[in-house]
Amino acid sequence: NKERVQIFQGIVLKRKRGKMDASFTVRKISHGAVGVEKTFALHSPRIETIEVVSEGRVRRSRLYYLRDRRGKAARIRERGRV
């Protein structure tokens, strides 16, 4: 078996809700400030685990505006703990 686990960590830009066709798109900034986006099927047998590292506070459901931002402008404010 030559399959290896690859970690893809980034910001979730969108979620497509549904029963079996649910999916989500993740954007990460790779080496050299190149943005890489991947869309994953939520119920795919190839996905081993999904881990939420941190949650942020946003006022939109689709975060496409982050594609045009660079550096600190592309950050999302942390959600305040009560």
PDB file of N, CA and C in Angstrom:
ATOM      1  N   ASN A   1       0.847  -1.181   0.000  1.00  0.00           N
ATOM      2  CA  ASN A   1       0.000   0.000   0.000  1.00  0.00           C
ATOM      3  C   ASN A   1       0.887   1.236   0.000  1.00  0.00           C
ATOM      4  N   LYS A   2       0.843   2.011  -1.069  1.00  0.00           N
ATOM      5  CA  LYS A   2       1.720   3.167  -1.206  1.00  0.00           C
ATOM      6  C   LYS A   2       1.017   4.481  -0.884  1.00  0.00           C
ATOM      7  N   GLU A   3      -0.194   4.423  -0.346  1.00  0.00           N
ATOM      8  CA  GLU A   3      -0.906   5.657  -0.029  1.00  0.00           C
ATOM      9  C   GLU A   3      -0.368   6.263   1.252  1.00  0.00           C
ATOM     10  N   ARG A   4      -0.230   7.591   1.246  1.00  0.00           N
ATOM     11  CA  ARG A   4       0.264   8.308   2.417  1.00  0.00           C
ATOM     12  C   ARG A   4      -0.738   9.376   2.799  1.00  0.00           C
ATOM     13  N   VAL A   5      -0.752   9.703   4.070  1.00  0.00           N
ATOM     14  CA  VAL A   5      -1.629  10.760   4.560  1.00  0.00           C
ATOM     15  C   VAL A   5      -0.967  12.100   4.280  1.00  0.00           C
ATOM     16  N   GLN A   6      -1.695  13.002   3.639  1.00  0.00           N
ATOM     17  CA  GLN A   6      -1.200  14.347   3.376  1.00  0.00           C
ATOM     18  C   GLN A   6      -2.068  15.333   4.139  1.00  0.00           C
ATOM     19  N   ILE A   7      -1.440  16.172   4.940  1.00  0.00           N
ATOM     20  CA  ILE A   7      -2.164  17.172   5.711  1.00  0.00           C
ATOM     21  C   ILE A   7      -2.339  18.415   4.851  1.00  0.00           C
ATOM     22  N   PHE A   8      -3.567  18.895   4.769  1.00  0.00           N
ATOM     23  CA  PHE A   8      -3.875  20.119   4.022  1.00  0.00           C
ATOM     24  C   PHE A   8      -4.545  21.061   5.004  1.00  0.00           C
ATOM     25  N   GLN A   9      -3.810  22.054   5.474  1.00  0.00           N
ATOM     26  CA  GLN A   9      -4.304  22.965   6.501  1.00  0.00           C
ATOM     27  C   GLN A   9      -4.469  24.350   5.908  1.00  0.00           C
ATOM     28  N   GLY A  10      -5.643  24.948   6.124  1.00  0.00           N
ATOM     29  CA  GLY A  10      -5.894  26.280   5.602  1.00  0.00           C
ATOM     30  C   GLY A  10      -7.214  26.822   6.101  1.00  0.00           C
ATOM     31  N   ILE A  11      -7.734  27.811   5.393  1.00  0.00           N
ATOM     32  CA  ILE A  11      -8.982  28.476   5.757  1.00  0.00           C
ATOM     33  C   ILE A  11     -10.102  27.917   4.891  1.00  0.00           C
ATOM     34  N   VAL A  12     -11.220  27.589   5.513  1.00  0.00           N
ATOM     35  CA  VAL A  12     -12.376  27.099   4.771  1.00  0.00           C
ATOM     36  C   VAL A  12     -13.071  28.298   4.131  1.00  0.00           C
ATOM     37  N   LEU A  13     -13.091  28.318   2.787  1.00  0.00           N
ATOM     38  CA  LEU A  13     -13.717  29.419   2.062  1.00  0.00           C
ATOM     39  C   LEU A  13     -15.219  29.231   1.925  1.00  0.00           C
ATOM     40  N   LYS A  14     -15.648  27.991   1.744  1.00  0.00           N
ATOM     41  CA  LYS A  14     -17.078  27.747   1.575  1.00  0.00           C
ATOM     42  C   LYS A  14     -17.417  26.324   1.986  1.00  0.00           C
ATOM     43  N   ARG A  15     -18.684  26.150   2.321  1.00  0.00           N
ATOM     44  CA  ARG A  15     -19.236  24.829   2.590  1.00  0.00           C
ATOM     45  C   ARG A  15     -20.469  24.651   1.730  1.00  0.00           C
ATOM     46  N   LYS A  16     -20.572  23.508   1.082  1.00  0.00           N
ATOM     47  CA  LYS A  16     -21.776  23.172   0.321  1.00  0.00           C
ATOM     48  C   LYS A  16     -22.502  22.109   1.117  1.00  0.00           C
ATOM     49  N   ARG A  17     -23.662  22.463   1.610  1.00  0.00           N
ATOM     50  CA  ARG A  17     -24.413  21.535   2.451  1.00  0.00           C
ATOM     51  C   ARG A  17     -25.243  20.611   1.576  1.00  0.00           C
ATOM     52  N   GLY A  18     -25.528  19.471   2.116  1.00  0.00           N
ATOM     53  CA  GLY A  18     -26.326  18.480   1.419  1.00  0.00           C
ATOM     54  C   GLY A  18     -26.225  17.175   2.170  1.00  0.00           C
ATOM     55  N   LYS A  19     -26.849  16.164   1.660  1.00  0.00           N
ATOM     56  CA  LYS A  19     -26.787  14.876   2.341  1.00  0.00           C
ATOM     57  C   LYS A  19     -25.472  14.177   1.991  1.00  0.00           C
ATOM     58  N   MET A  20     -25.410  13.554   0.849  1.00  0.00           N
ATOM     59  CA  MET A  20     -24.193  12.834   0.489  1.00  0.00           C
ATOM     60  C   MET A  20     -23.272  13.646  -0.418  1.00  0.00           C
ATOM     61  N   ASP A  21     -23.753  14.738  -0.975  1.00  0.00           N
ATOM     62  CA  ASP A  21     -22.910  15.537  -1.869  1.00  0.00           C
ATOM     63  C   ASP A  21     -22.371  16.788  -1.183  1.00  0.00           C
ATOM     64  N   ALA A  22     -22.300  16.787   0.133  1.00  0.00           N
ATOM     65  CA  ALA A  22     -21.750  17.930   0.864  1.00  0.00           C
ATOM     66  C   ALA A  22     -20.251  18.028   0.597  1.00  0.00           C
ATOM     67  N   SER A  23     -19.765  19.264   0.519  1.00  0.00           N
ATOM     68  CA  SER A  23     -18.342  19.466   0.268  1.00  0.00           C
ATOM     69  C   SER A  23     -17.895  20.763   0.921  1.00  0.00           C
ATOM     70  N   PHE A  24     -16.588  20.963   0.948  1.00  0.00           N
ATOM     71  CA  PHE A  24     -16.022  22.199   1.476  1.00  0.00           C
ATOM     72  C   PHE A  24     -14.749  22.508   0.716  1.00  0.00           C
ATOM     73  N   THR A  25     -14.434  23.800   0.619  1.00  0.00           N
ATOM     74  CA  THR A  25     -13.248  24.260  -0.095  1.00  0.00           C
ATOM     75  C   THR A  25     -12.296  24.902   0.896  1.00  0.00           C
ATOM     76  N   VAL A  26     -11.036  24.471   0.854  1.00  0.00           N
ATOM     77  CA  VAL A  26     -10.007  24.961   1.771  1.00  0.00           C
ATOM     78  C   VAL A  26      -8.937  25.672   0.957  1.00  0.00           C
ATOM     79  N   ARG A  27      -8.479  26.830   1.450  1.00  0.00           N
ATOM     80  CA  ARG A  27      -7.414  27.587   0.791  1.00  0.00           C
ATOM     81  C   ARG A  27      -6.241  27.702   1.737  1.00  0.00           C
ATOM     82  N   LYS A  28      -5.067  27.359   1.225  1.00  0.00           N
ATOM     83  CA  LYS A  28      -3.850  27.548   2.013  1.00  0.00           C
ATOM     84  C   LYS A  28      -2.846  28.328   1.187  1.00  0.00           C
ATOM     85  N   ILE A  29      -1.962  29.017   1.878  1.00  0.00           N
ATOM     86  CA  ILE A  29      -0.890  29.751   1.219  1.00  0.00           C
ATOM     87  C   ILE A  29       0.339  28.859   1.245  1.00  0.00           C
ATOM     88  N   SER A  30       0.768  28.425   0.073  1.00  0.00           N
ATOM     89  CA  SER A  30       1.898  27.518  -0.041  1.00  0.00           C
ATOM     90  C   SER A  30       3.196  28.312  -0.076  1.00  0.00           C
ATOM     91  N   HIS A  31       4.294  27.638  -0.276  1.00  0.00           N
ATOM     92  CA  HIS A  31       5.601  28.289  -0.312  1.00  0.00           C
ATOM     93  C   HIS A  31       5.659  29.289  -1.463  1.00  0.00           C
ATOM     94  N   GLY A  32       6.260  30.425  -1.203  1.00  0.00           N
ATOM     95  CA  GLY A  32       6.371  31.447  -2.228  1.00  0.00           C
ATOM     96  C   GLY A  32       5.112  32.260  -2.400  1.00  0.00           C
ATOM     97  N   ALA A  33       4.254  32.275  -1.393  1.00  0.00           N
ATOM     98  CA  ALA A  33       3.010  33.061  -1.381  1.00  0.00           C
ATOM     99  C   ALA A  33       2.080  32.681  -2.528  1.00  0.00           C
ATOM    100  N   VAL A  34       2.019  31.398  -2.849  1.00  0.00           N
ATOM    101  CA  VAL A  34       1.115  30.905  -3.876  1.00  0.00           C
ATOM    102  C   VAL A  34      -0.098  30.299  -3.180  1.00  0.00           C
ATOM    103  N   GLY A  35      -1.287  30.775  -3.533  1.00  0.00           N
ATOM    104  CA  GLY A  35      -2.500  30.244  -2.927  1.00  0.00           C
ATOM    105  C   GLY A  35      -2.943  28.970  -3.625  1.00  0.00           C
ATOM    106  N   VAL A  36      -3.289  27.959  -2.828  1.00  0.00           N
ATOM    107  CA  VAL A  36      -3.751  26.680  -3.358  1.00  0.00           C
ATOM    108  C   VAL A  36      -5.117  26.393  -2.751  1.00  0.00           C
ATOM    109  N   GLU A  37      -6.093  26.084  -3.597  1.00  0.00           N
ATOM    110  CA  GLU A  37      -7.431  25.746  -3.121  1.00  0.00           C
ATOM    111  C   GLU A  37      -7.760  24.321  -3.513  1.00  0.00           C
ATOM    112  N   LYS A  38      -8.387  23.590  -2.583  1.00  0.00           N
ATOM    113  CA  LYS A  38      -8.827  22.228  -2.850  1.00  0.00           C
ATOM    114  C   LYS A  38     -10.250  22.083  -2.360  1.00  0.00           C
ATOM    115  N   THR A  39     -11.058  21.384  -3.138  1.00  0.00           N
ATOM    116  CA  THR A  39     -12.423  21.081  -2.737  1.00  0.00           C
ATOM    117  C   THR A  39     -12.488  19.610  -2.362  1.00  0.00           C
ATOM    118  N   PHE A  40     -13.024  19.344  -1.178  1.00  0.00           N
ATOM    119  CA  PHE A  40     -13.111  17.988  -0.659  1.00  0.00           C
ATOM    120  C   PHE A  40     -14.571  17.593  -0.504  1.00  0.00           C
ATOM    121  N   ALA A  41     -14.888  16.359  -0.849  1.00  0.00           N
ATOM    122  CA  ALA A  41     -16.211  15.814  -0.555  1.00  0.00           C
ATOM    123  C   ALA A  41     -16.227  15.419   0.916  1.00  0.00           C
ATOM    124  N   LEU A  42     -17.248  15.849   1.631  1.00  0.00           N
ATOM    125  CA  LEU A  42     -17.284  15.654   3.075  1.00  0.00           C
ATOM    126  C   LEU A  42     -17.331  14.178   3.457  1.00  0.00           C
ATOM    127  N   HIS A  43     -18.066  13.378   2.697  1.00  0.00           N
ATOM    128  CA  HIS A  43     -18.242  11.967   3.034  1.00  0.00           C
ATOM    129  C   HIS A  43     -17.327  11.056   2.226  1.00  0.00           C
ATOM    130  N   SER A  44     -16.226  11.592   1.729  1.00  0.00           N
ATOM    131  CA  SER A  44     -15.305  10.797   0.926  1.00  0.00           C
ATOM    132  C   SER A  44     -14.580   9.768   1.794  1.00  0.00           C
ATOM    133  N   PRO A  45     -14.451   8.543   1.330  1.00  0.00           N
ATOM    134  CA  PRO A  45     -13.704   7.550   2.110  1.00  0.00           C
ATOM    135  C   PRO A  45     -12.197   7.825   2.132  1.00  0.00           C
ATOM    136  N   ARG A  46     -11.722   8.708   1.265  1.00  0.00           N
ATOM    137  CA  ARG A  46     -10.297   9.041   1.250  1.00  0.00           C
ATOM    138  C   ARG A  46      -9.907  10.014   2.355  1.00  0.00           C
ATOM    139  N   ILE A  47     -10.883  10.731   2.929  1.00  0.00           N
ATOM    140  CA  ILE A  47     -10.592  11.656   4.021  1.00  0.00           C
ATOM    141  C   ILE A  47     -10.570  10.872   5.320  1.00  0.00           C
ATOM    142  N   GLU A  48      -9.430  10.911   5.993  1.00  0.00           N
ATOM    143  CA  GLU A  48      -9.282  10.160   7.237  1.00  0.00           C
ATOM    144  C   GLU A  48      -9.899  10.918   8.406  1.00  0.00           C
ATOM    145  N   THR A  49      -9.473  12.166   8.614  1.00  0.00           N
ATOM    146  CA  THR A  49     -10.027  12.985   9.688  1.00  0.00           C
ATOM    147  C   THR A  49     -10.118  14.435   9.221  1.00  0.00           C
ATOM    148  N   ILE A  50     -11.027  15.163   9.860  1.00  0.00           N
ATOM    149  CA  ILE A  50     -11.142  16.606   9.667  1.00  0.00           C
ATOM    150  C   ILE A  50     -11.014  17.228  11.043  1.00  0.00           C
ATOM    151  N   GLU A  51     -10.050  18.123  11.188  1.00  0.00           N
ATOM    152  CA  GLU A  51      -9.785  18.723  12.495  1.00  0.00           C
ATOM    153  C   GLU A  51      -9.887  20.241  12.384  1.00  0.00           C
ATOM    154  N   VAL A  52     -10.675  20.843  13.279  1.00  0.00           N
ATOM    155  CA  VAL A  52     -10.802  22.294  13.328  1.00  0.00           C
ATOM    156  C   VAL A  52      -9.741  22.812  14.283  1.00  0.00           C
ATOM    157  N   VAL A  53      -8.787  23.579  13.767  1.00  0.00           N
ATOM    158  CA  VAL A  53      -7.683  24.087  14.583  1.00  0.00           C
ATOM    159  C   VAL A  53      -8.123  25.328  15.341  1.00  0.00           C
ATOM    160  N   SER A  54      -8.800  26.255  14.660  1.00  0.00           N
ATOM    161  CA  SER A  54      -9.305  27.456  15.323  1.00  0.00           C
ATOM    162  C   SER A  54     -10.536  27.942  14.572  1.00  0.00           C
ATOM    163  N   GLU A  55     -11.369  28.704  15.277  1.00  0.00           N
ATOM    164  CA  GLU A  55     -12.572  29.251  14.680  1.00  0.00           C
ATOM    165  C   GLU A  55     -12.484  30.766  14.684  1.00  0.00           C
ATOM    166  N   GLY A  56     -12.944  31.369  13.617  1.00  0.00           N
ATOM    167  CA  GLY A  56     -12.913  32.817  13.515  1.00  0.00           C
ATOM    168  C   GLY A  56     -14.306  33.397  13.386  1.00  0.00           C
ATOM    169  N   ARG A  57     -14.389  34.706  13.527  1.00  0.00           N
ATOM    170  CA  ARG A  57     -15.667  35.409  13.446  1.00  0.00           C
ATOM    171  C   ARG A  57     -15.743  36.123  12.105  1.00  0.00           C
ATOM    172  N   VAL A  58     -16.688  35.717  11.271  1.00  0.00           N
ATOM    173  CA  VAL A  58     -16.894  36.343   9.968  1.00  0.00           C
ATOM    174  C   VAL A  58     -18.383  36.633   9.795  1.00  0.00           C
ATOM    175  N   ARG A  59     -18.693  37.521   8.870  1.00  0.00           N
ATOM    176  CA  ARG A  59     -20.086  37.896   8.636  1.00  0.00           C
ATOM    177  C   ARG A  59     -20.579  37.441   7.267  1.00  0.00           C
ATOM    178  N   ARG A  60     -19.862  36.552   6.642  1.00  0.00           N
ATOM    179  CA  ARG A  60     -20.222  36.043   5.327  1.00  0.00           C
ATOM    180  C   ARG A  60     -20.217  34.519   5.360  1.00  0.00           C
ATOM    181  N   SER A  61     -20.958  33.913   4.430  1.00  0.00           N
ATOM    182  CA  SER A  61     -20.927  32.460   4.332  1.00  0.00           C
ATOM    183  C   SER A  61     -19.877  32.001   3.323  1.00  0.00           C
ATOM    184  N   ARG A  62     -19.568  32.847   2.349  1.00  0.00           N
ATOM    185  CA  ARG A  62     -18.547  32.538   1.350  1.00  0.00           C
ATOM    186  C   ARG A  62     -17.434  33.566   1.484  1.00  0.00           C
ATOM    187  N   LEU A  63     -16.219  33.094   1.686  1.00  0.00           N
ATOM    188  CA  LEU A  63     -15.097  33.998   1.964  1.00  0.00           C
ATOM    189  C   LEU A  63     -14.207  34.189   0.739  1.00  0.00           C
ATOM    190  N   TYR A  64     -14.825  34.396  -0.421  1.00  0.00           N
ATOM    191  CA  TYR A  64     -14.067  34.549  -1.658  1.00  0.00           C
ATOM    192  C   TYR A  64     -13.216  35.808  -1.669  1.00  0.00           C
ATOM    193  N   TYR A  65     -13.560  36.803  -0.870  1.00  0.00           N
ATOM    194  CA  TYR A  65     -12.792  38.047  -0.842  1.00  0.00           C
ATOM    195  C   TYR A  65     -11.383  37.826  -0.290  1.00  0.00           C
ATOM    196  N   LEU A  66     -11.146  36.718   0.401  1.00  0.00           N
ATOM    197  CA  LEU A  66      -9.808  36.438   0.929  1.00  0.00           C
ATOM    198  C   LEU A  66      -8.816  36.084  -0.176  1.00  0.00           C
ATOM    199  N   ARG A  67      -9.310  35.744  -1.361  1.00  0.00           N
ATOM    200  CA  ARG A  67      -8.415  35.420  -2.474  1.00  0.00           C
ATOM    201  C   ARG A  67      -7.576  36.620  -2.887  1.00  0.00           C
ATOM    202  N   ASP A  68      -8.133  37.815  -2.751  1.00  0.00           N
ATOM    203  CA  ASP A  68      -7.433  39.030  -3.180  1.00  0.00           C
ATOM    204  C   ASP A  68      -6.553  39.621  -2.094  1.00  0.00           C
ATOM    205  N   ARG A  69      -6.642  39.125  -0.883  1.00  0.00           N
ATOM    206  CA  ARG A  69      -5.891  39.708   0.232  1.00  0.00           C
ATOM    207  C   ARG A  69      -4.566  38.987   0.424  1.00  0.00           C
ATOM    208  N   ARG A  70      -3.589  39.718   0.923  1.00  0.00           N
ATOM    209  CA  ARG A  70      -2.253  39.171   1.159  1.00  0.00           C
ATOM    210  C   ARG A  70      -1.831  39.454   2.588  1.00  0.00           C
ATOM    211  N   GLY A  71      -1.022  38.602   3.151  1.00  0.00           N
ATOM    212  CA  GLY A  71      -0.417  38.843   4.461  1.00  0.00           C
ATOM    213  C   GLY A  71      -1.422  38.946   5.589  1.00  0.00           C
ATOM    214  N   LYS A  72      -1.252  39.980   6.421  1.00  0.00           N
ATOM    215  CA  LYS A  72      -2.104  40.145   7.593  1.00  0.00           C
ATOM    216  C   LYS A  72      -3.539  40.497   7.227  1.00  0.00           C
ATOM    217  N   ALA A  73      -3.750  41.038   6.043  1.00  0.00           N
ATOM    218  CA  ALA A  73      -5.108  41.380   5.616  1.00  0.00           C
ATOM    219  C   ALA A  73      -5.952  40.130   5.367  1.00  0.00           C
ATOM    220  N   ALA A  74      -5.310  38.992   5.154  1.00  0.00           N
ATOM    221  CA  ALA A  74      -6.029  37.752   4.886  1.00  0.00           C
ATOM    222  C   ALA A  74      -6.365  36.987   6.159  1.00  0.00           C
ATOM    223  N   ARG A  75      -6.001  37.546   7.314  1.00  0.00           N
ATOM    224  CA  ARG A  75      -6.312  36.860   8.567  1.00  0.00           C
ATOM    225  C   ARG A  75      -7.778  37.045   8.936  1.00  0.00           C
ATOM    226  N   ILE A  76      -8.279  36.133   9.745  1.00  0.00           N
ATOM    227  CA  ILE A  76      -9.648  36.205  10.255  1.00  0.00           C
ATOM    228  C   ILE A  76      -9.569  36.392  11.754  1.00  0.00           C
ATOM    229  N   ARG A  77     -10.405  37.306  12.276  1.00  0.00           N
ATOM    230  CA  ARG A  77     -10.400  37.553  13.719  1.00  0.00           C
ATOM    231  C   ARG A  77     -10.828  36.302  14.471  1.00  0.00           C
ATOM    232  N   GLU A  78     -10.148  36.041  15.579  1.00  0.00           N
ATOM    233  CA  GLU A  78     -10.499  34.894  16.410  1.00  0.00           C
ATOM    234  C   GLU A  78     -11.845  35.131  17.066  1.00  0.00           C
ATOM    235  N   ARG A  79     -12.585  34.058  17.224  1.00  0.00           N
ATOM    236  CA  ARG A  79     -13.869  34.155  17.905  1.00  0.00           C
ATOM    237  C   ARG A  79     -13.620  34.315  19.395  1.00  0.00           C
ATOM    238  N   GLY A  80     -14.256  35.310  20.009  1.00  0.00           N
ATOM    239  CA  GLY A  80     -14.071  35.579  21.435  1.00  0.00           C
ATOM    240  C   GLY A  80     -14.690  34.498  22.299  1.00  0.00           C
ATOM    241  N   ARG A  81     -13.962  34.068  23.292  1.00  0.00           N
ATOM    242  CA  ARG A  81     -14.463  33.046  24.216  1.00  0.00           C
ATOM    243  C   ARG A  81     -15.178  33.711  25.377  1.00  0.00           C
ATOM    244  N   VAL A  82     -16.299  33.142  25.787  1.00  0.00           N
ATOM    245  CA  VAL A  82     -17.054  33.703  26.918  1.00  0.00           C
ATOM    246  C   VAL A  82     -16.989  32.750  28.084  1.00  0.00           C
TER     247      VAL A  82
END
